[in-house]
C-alpha atoms as a PDB file:
ATOM      1  CA  MET A   1     109.130  57.607 111.625  1.00  0.00           C
ATOM      2  CA  LYS A   2     105.960  58.220 113.635  1.00  0.00           C
ATOM      3  CA  THR A   3     107.782  57.581 116.875  1.00  0.00           C
ATOM      4  CA  TYR A   4     110.208  60.398 116.136  1.00  0.00           C
ATOM      5  CA  LEU A   5     107.896  62.867 114.437  1.00  0.00           C
ATOM      6  CA  LYS A   6     105.154  63.021 117.057  1.00  0.00           C
ATOM      7  CA  PRO A   7     107.399  63.887 120.055  1.00  0.00           C
ATOM      8  CA  MET A   8     109.309  66.480 117.990  1.00  0.00           C
ATOM      9  CA  MET A   9     106.071  68.157 116.900  1.00  0.00           C
ATOM     10  CA  MET A  10     104.750  68.250 120.468  1.00  0.00           C
ATOM     11  CA  THR A  11     108.011  69.737 121.721  1.00  0.00           C
ATOM     12  CA  ALA A  12     108.025  72.341 118.976  1.00  0.00           C
ATOM     13  CA  LEU A  13     104.417  73.367 119.647  1.00  0.00           C
ATOM     14  CA  LEU A  14     105.025  73.621 123.377  1.00  0.00           C
ATOM     15  CA  ALA A  15     108.203  75.670 122.856  1.00  0.00           C
ATOM     16  CA  LEU A  16     106.591  78.334 120.614  1.00  0.00           C
ATOM     17  CA  PRO A  17     105.080  80.402 123.443  1.00  0.00           C
ATOM     18  CA  LEU A  18     108.425  80.356 125.208  1.00  0.00           C
ATOM     19  CA  LEU A  19     110.050  81.889 122.144  1.00  0.00           C
ATOM     20  CA  GLY A  20     107.476  84.655 122.023  1.00  0.00           C
ATOM     21  CA  VAL A  21     106.171  83.656 118.602  1.00  0.00           C
ATOM     22  CA  ALA A  22     102.745  82.414 119.573  1.00  0.00           C
ATOM     23  CA  SER A  23     102.134  84.535 122.644  1.00  0.00           C
ATOM     24  CA  ALA A  24      99.448  87.196 122.549  1.00  0.00           C
ATOM     25  CA  GLY A  25      98.205  89.739 125.043  1.00  0.00           C
ATOM     26  CA  PRO A  26      94.883  91.500 125.359  1.00  0.00           C
ATOM     27  CA  VAL A  27      94.194  94.563 123.246  1.00  0.00           C
ATOM     28  CA  SER A  28      93.707  96.656 126.371  1.00  0.00           C
ATOM     29  CA  ASP A  29      97.459  96.332 127.044  1.00  0.00           C
ATOM     30  CA  LEU A  30      98.156  97.979 123.683  1.00  0.00           C
ATOM     31  CA  GLN A  31      95.663 100.747 124.415  1.00  0.00           C
ATOM     32  CA  ASP A  32      97.178 101.327 127.864  1.00  0.00           C
ATOM     33  CA  ARG A  33     100.624 101.409 126.282  1.00  0.00           C
ATOM     34  CA  ARG A  34      99.313 103.976 123.798  1.00  0.00           C
ATOM     35  CA  ALA A  35      98.164 106.214 126.640  1.00  0.00           C
ATOM     36  CA  ASP A  36     101.579 105.911 128.317  1.00  0.00           C
ATOM     37  CA  ILE A  37     103.383 106.784 125.076  1.00  0.00           C
ATOM     38  CA  ARG A  38     101.140 109.809 124.536  1.00  0.00           C
ATOM     39  CA  GLN A  39     101.813 111.048 128.079  1.00  0.00           C
ATOM     40  CA  ALA A  40     105.572 110.625 127.578  1.00  0.00           C
ATOM     41  CA  LEU A  41     105.282 112.516 124.280  1.00  0.00           C
ATOM     42  CA  ARG A  42     103.496 115.387 126.047  1.00  0.00           C
ATOM     43  CA  ASP A  43     106.206 115.480 128.717  1.00  0.00           C
ATOM     44  CA  HIS A  44     108.993 115.511 126.148  1.00  0.00           C
ATOM     45  CA  ARG A  45     107.313 118.305 124.197  1.00  0.00           C
ATOM     46  CA  ASP A  46     107.089 120.308 127.421  1.00  0.00           C
ATOM     47  CA  ASP A  47     110.802 119.641 127.946  1.00  0.00           C
ATOM     48  CA  LEU A  48     111.483 120.884 124.406  1.00  0.00           C
ATOM     49  CA  ASN A  49     109.480 124.071 125.003  1.00  0.00           C
ATOM     50  CA  THR A  50     111.364 124.678 128.248  1.00  0.00           C
ATOM     51  CA  ALA A  51     114.730 124.090 126.558  1.00  0.00           C
ATOM     52  CA  ILE A  52     113.808 126.490 123.753  1.00  0.00           C
ATOM     53  CA  ARG A  53     112.699 129.105 126.264  1.00  0.00           C
ATOM     54  CA  ILE A  54     115.980 128.965 128.234  1.00  0.00           C
ATOM     55  CA  HIS A  55     118.155 128.537 125.091  1.00  0.00           C
ATOM     56  CA  ASP A  56     119.599 125.152 126.113  1.00  0.00           C
ATOM     57  CA  THR A  57     120.975 123.649 122.886  1.00  0.00           C
ATOM     58  CA  ASP A  58     121.801 120.235 124.402  1.00  0.00           C
ATOM     59  CA  GLY A  59     118.342 120.042 125.932  1.00  0.00           C
ATOM     60  CA  ILE A  60     116.762 120.884 122.578  1.00  0.00           C
ATOM     61  CA  ILE A  61     118.700 118.127 120.802  1.00  0.00           C
ATOM     62  CA  ASN A  62     117.867 115.557 123.501  1.00  0.00           C
ATOM     63  CA  ALA A  63     114.198 116.506 123.629  1.00  0.00           C
ATOM     64  CA  LYS A  64     113.855 116.304 119.833  1.00  0.00           C
ATOM     65  CA  ALA A  65     115.470 112.850 119.849  1.00  0.00           C
ATOM     66  CA  ARG A  66     113.081 111.623 122.570  1.00  0.00           C
ATOM     67  CA  ILE A  67     110.110 113.088 120.688  1.00  0.00           C
ATOM     68  CA  ARG A  68     111.153 111.219 117.518  1.00  0.00           C
ATOM     69  CA  GLU A  69     111.453 107.972 119.517  1.00  0.00           C
ATOM     70  CA  ASP A  70     108.016 108.493 121.078  1.00  0.00           C
ATOM     71  CA  GLU A  71     106.450 109.251 117.705  1.00  0.00           C
ATOM     72  CA  ALA A  72     107.984 106.075 116.248  1.00  0.00           C
ATOM     73  CA  GLN A  73     106.635 104.024 119.168  1.00  0.00           C
ATOM     74  CA  LEU A  74     103.217 105.654 118.784  1.00  0.00           C
ATOM     75  CA  LYS A  75     103.177 104.868 115.056  1.00  0.00           C
ATOM     76  CA  ALA A  76     104.136 101.229 115.731  1.00  0.00           C
ATOM     77  CA  ASN A  77     101.414 100.993 118.376  1.00  0.00           C
ATOM     78  CA  THR A  78      98.862 102.546 116.012  1.00  0.00           C
ATOM     79  CA  ASP A  79      99.828 100.112 113.260  1.00  0.00           C
ATOM     80  CA  GLU A  80      99.462  97.169 115.646  1.00  0.00           C
ATOM     81  CA  LEU A  81      96.037  98.389 116.809  1.00  0.00           C
ATOM     82  CA  ALA A  82      94.972  98.912 113.193  1.00  0.00           C
ATOM     83  CA  ARG A  83      96.131  95.397 112.338  1.00  0.00           C
ATOM     84  CA  LEU A  84      93.915  94.087 115.129  1.00  0.00           C
ATOM     85  CA  ASN A  85      91.029  96.392 114.088  1.00  0.00           C
ATOM     86  CA  ALA A  86      91.078  97.888 117.564  1.00  0.00           C
ATOM     87  CA  HIS A  87      92.046 101.465 116.773  1.00  0.00           C
ATOM     88  CA  PRO A  88      90.179 103.715 119.205  1.00  0.00           C
ATOM     89  CA  LYS A  89      87.508 105.748 117.448  1.00  0.00           C
ATOM     90  CA  ASP A  90      87.874 108.747 119.751  1.00  0.00           C
ATOM     91  CA  GLU A  91      91.487 109.393 118.726  1.00  0.00           C
ATOM     92  CA  PRO A  92      91.698 110.457 115.079  1.00  0.00           C
ATOM     93  CA  GLU A  93      94.933 110.318 113.099  1.00  0.00           C
ATOM     94  CA  THR A  94      95.147 114.103 112.959  1.00  0.00           C
ATOM     95  CA  GLU A  95      94.418 116.482 115.754  1.00  0.00           C
ATOM     96  CA  THR A  96      92.688 119.778 115.149  1.00  0.00           C
ATOM     97  CA  TYR A  97      92.893 122.742 117.435  1.00  0.00           C
ATOM     98  CA  MET A  98      91.557 126.246 117.483  1.00  0.00           C
ATOM     99  CA  ILE A  99      93.474 129.396 118.298  1.00  0.00           C
ATOM    100  CA  LYS A 100      91.448 131.597 120.602  1.00  0.00           C
ATOM    101  CA  LYS A 101      91.965 135.290 120.088  1.00  0.00           C
ATOM    102  CA  THR A 102      90.634 138.043 122.282  1.00  0.00           C
ATOM    103  CA  VAL A 103      90.689 141.412 120.571  1.00  0.00           C
ATOM    104  CA  VAL A 104      89.440 144.573 122.196  1.00  0.00           C
ATOM    105  CA  THR A 105      89.030 147.558 119.879  1.00  0.00           C
ATOM    106  CA  THR A 106      86.955 150.687 119.870  1.00  0.00           C
ATOM    107  CA  ALA A 107      85.590 152.344 116.769  1.00  0.00           C
ATOM    108  CA  PRO A 108      83.088 155.073 116.091  1.00  0.00           C
ATOM    109  CA  ALA A 109      79.494 153.908 115.981  1.00  0.00           C
ATOM    110  CA  SER A 110      77.960 153.465 112.567  1.00  0.00           C
ATOM    111  CA  PRO A 111      75.007 155.754 111.864  1.00  0.00           C
ATOM    112  CA  TYR A 112      73.427 152.994 109.779  1.00  0.00           C
ATOM    113  CA  ASN A 113      73.099 150.550 112.672  1.00  0.00           C
ATOM    114  CA  SER A 114      70.948 150.761 115.720  1.00  0.00           C
ATOM    115  CA  GLU A 115      72.523 152.327 118.786  1.00  0.00           C
ATOM    116  CA  PHE A 116      72.273 149.145 120.868  1.00  0.00           C
ATOM    117  CA  ALA A 117      72.855 146.525 118.174  1.00  0.00           C
ATOM    118  CA  PRO A 118      76.157 144.650 118.430  1.00  0.00           C
ATOM    119  CA  GLN A 119      78.654 145.635 115.778  1.00  0.00           C
ATOM    120  CA  PHE A 120      81.349 143.413 114.325  1.00  0.00           C
ATOM    121  CA  LYS A 121      84.358 143.941 112.119  1.00  0.00           C
ATOM    122  CA  VAL A 122      85.810 141.253 109.911  1.00  0.00           C
ATOM    123  CA  ARG A 123      89.492 140.522 110.457  1.00  0.00           C
ATOM    124  CA  TYR A 124      91.610 137.875 108.762  1.00  0.00           C
ATOM    125  CA  ASP A 125      93.949 135.449 110.510  1.00  0.00           C
ATOM    126  CA  SER A 126      97.551 136.030 109.415  1.00  0.00           C
ATOM    127  CA  VAL A 127      98.423 132.316 109.508  1.00  0.00           C
ATOM    128  CA  THR A 128      95.433 130.614 107.890  1.00  0.00           C
ATOM    129  CA  GLY A 129      93.777 133.578 106.147  1.00  0.00           C
ATOM    130  CA  LYS A 130      90.365 132.633 107.536  1.00  0.00           C
ATOM    131  CA  PRO A 131      88.042 135.437 108.614  1.00  0.00           C
ATOM    132  CA  TYR A 132      87.051 135.977 112.217  1.00  0.00           C
ATOM    133  CA  TYR A 133      84.797 138.583 113.707  1.00  0.00           C
ATOM    134  CA  VAL A 134      85.726 141.144 116.333  1.00  0.00           C
ATOM    135  CA  ARG A 135      83.046 142.888 118.356  1.00  0.00           C
ATOM    136  CA  VAL A 136      83.325 146.640 118.234  1.00  0.00           C
ATOM    137  CA  TYR A 137      81.912 148.628 121.131  1.00  0.00           C
ATOM    138  CA  PRO A 138      80.464 152.048 120.201  1.00  0.00           C
END
């Protein structure tokens, strides 16, 4: 029994990397792949914006399908990095952004404020409802 078992075990152990079961790559390959997926996602979103702008219905459908594929690949890559405890700290799960608004208005100067003091009016964002301040020039 030993004469048959030992060669079969050695053959099985040597064949595992060939099957792709026991092979492993460095984590940097996954992080590089993540960067490539993110760049492709940016490109496909640009394609979607262009298709929307020129009213190309086929382009919109194709771009949305490619975006869904990229997001699925990005999620799989994120899950693999999280499994290896190698998720990059500088890339959070959610991305926050700020809308920059430039508003130029003129209003009569307030008699209660100094002539040269900056004056501000409170306005509210229509989307989020958060207040922002607009400088008013006397």
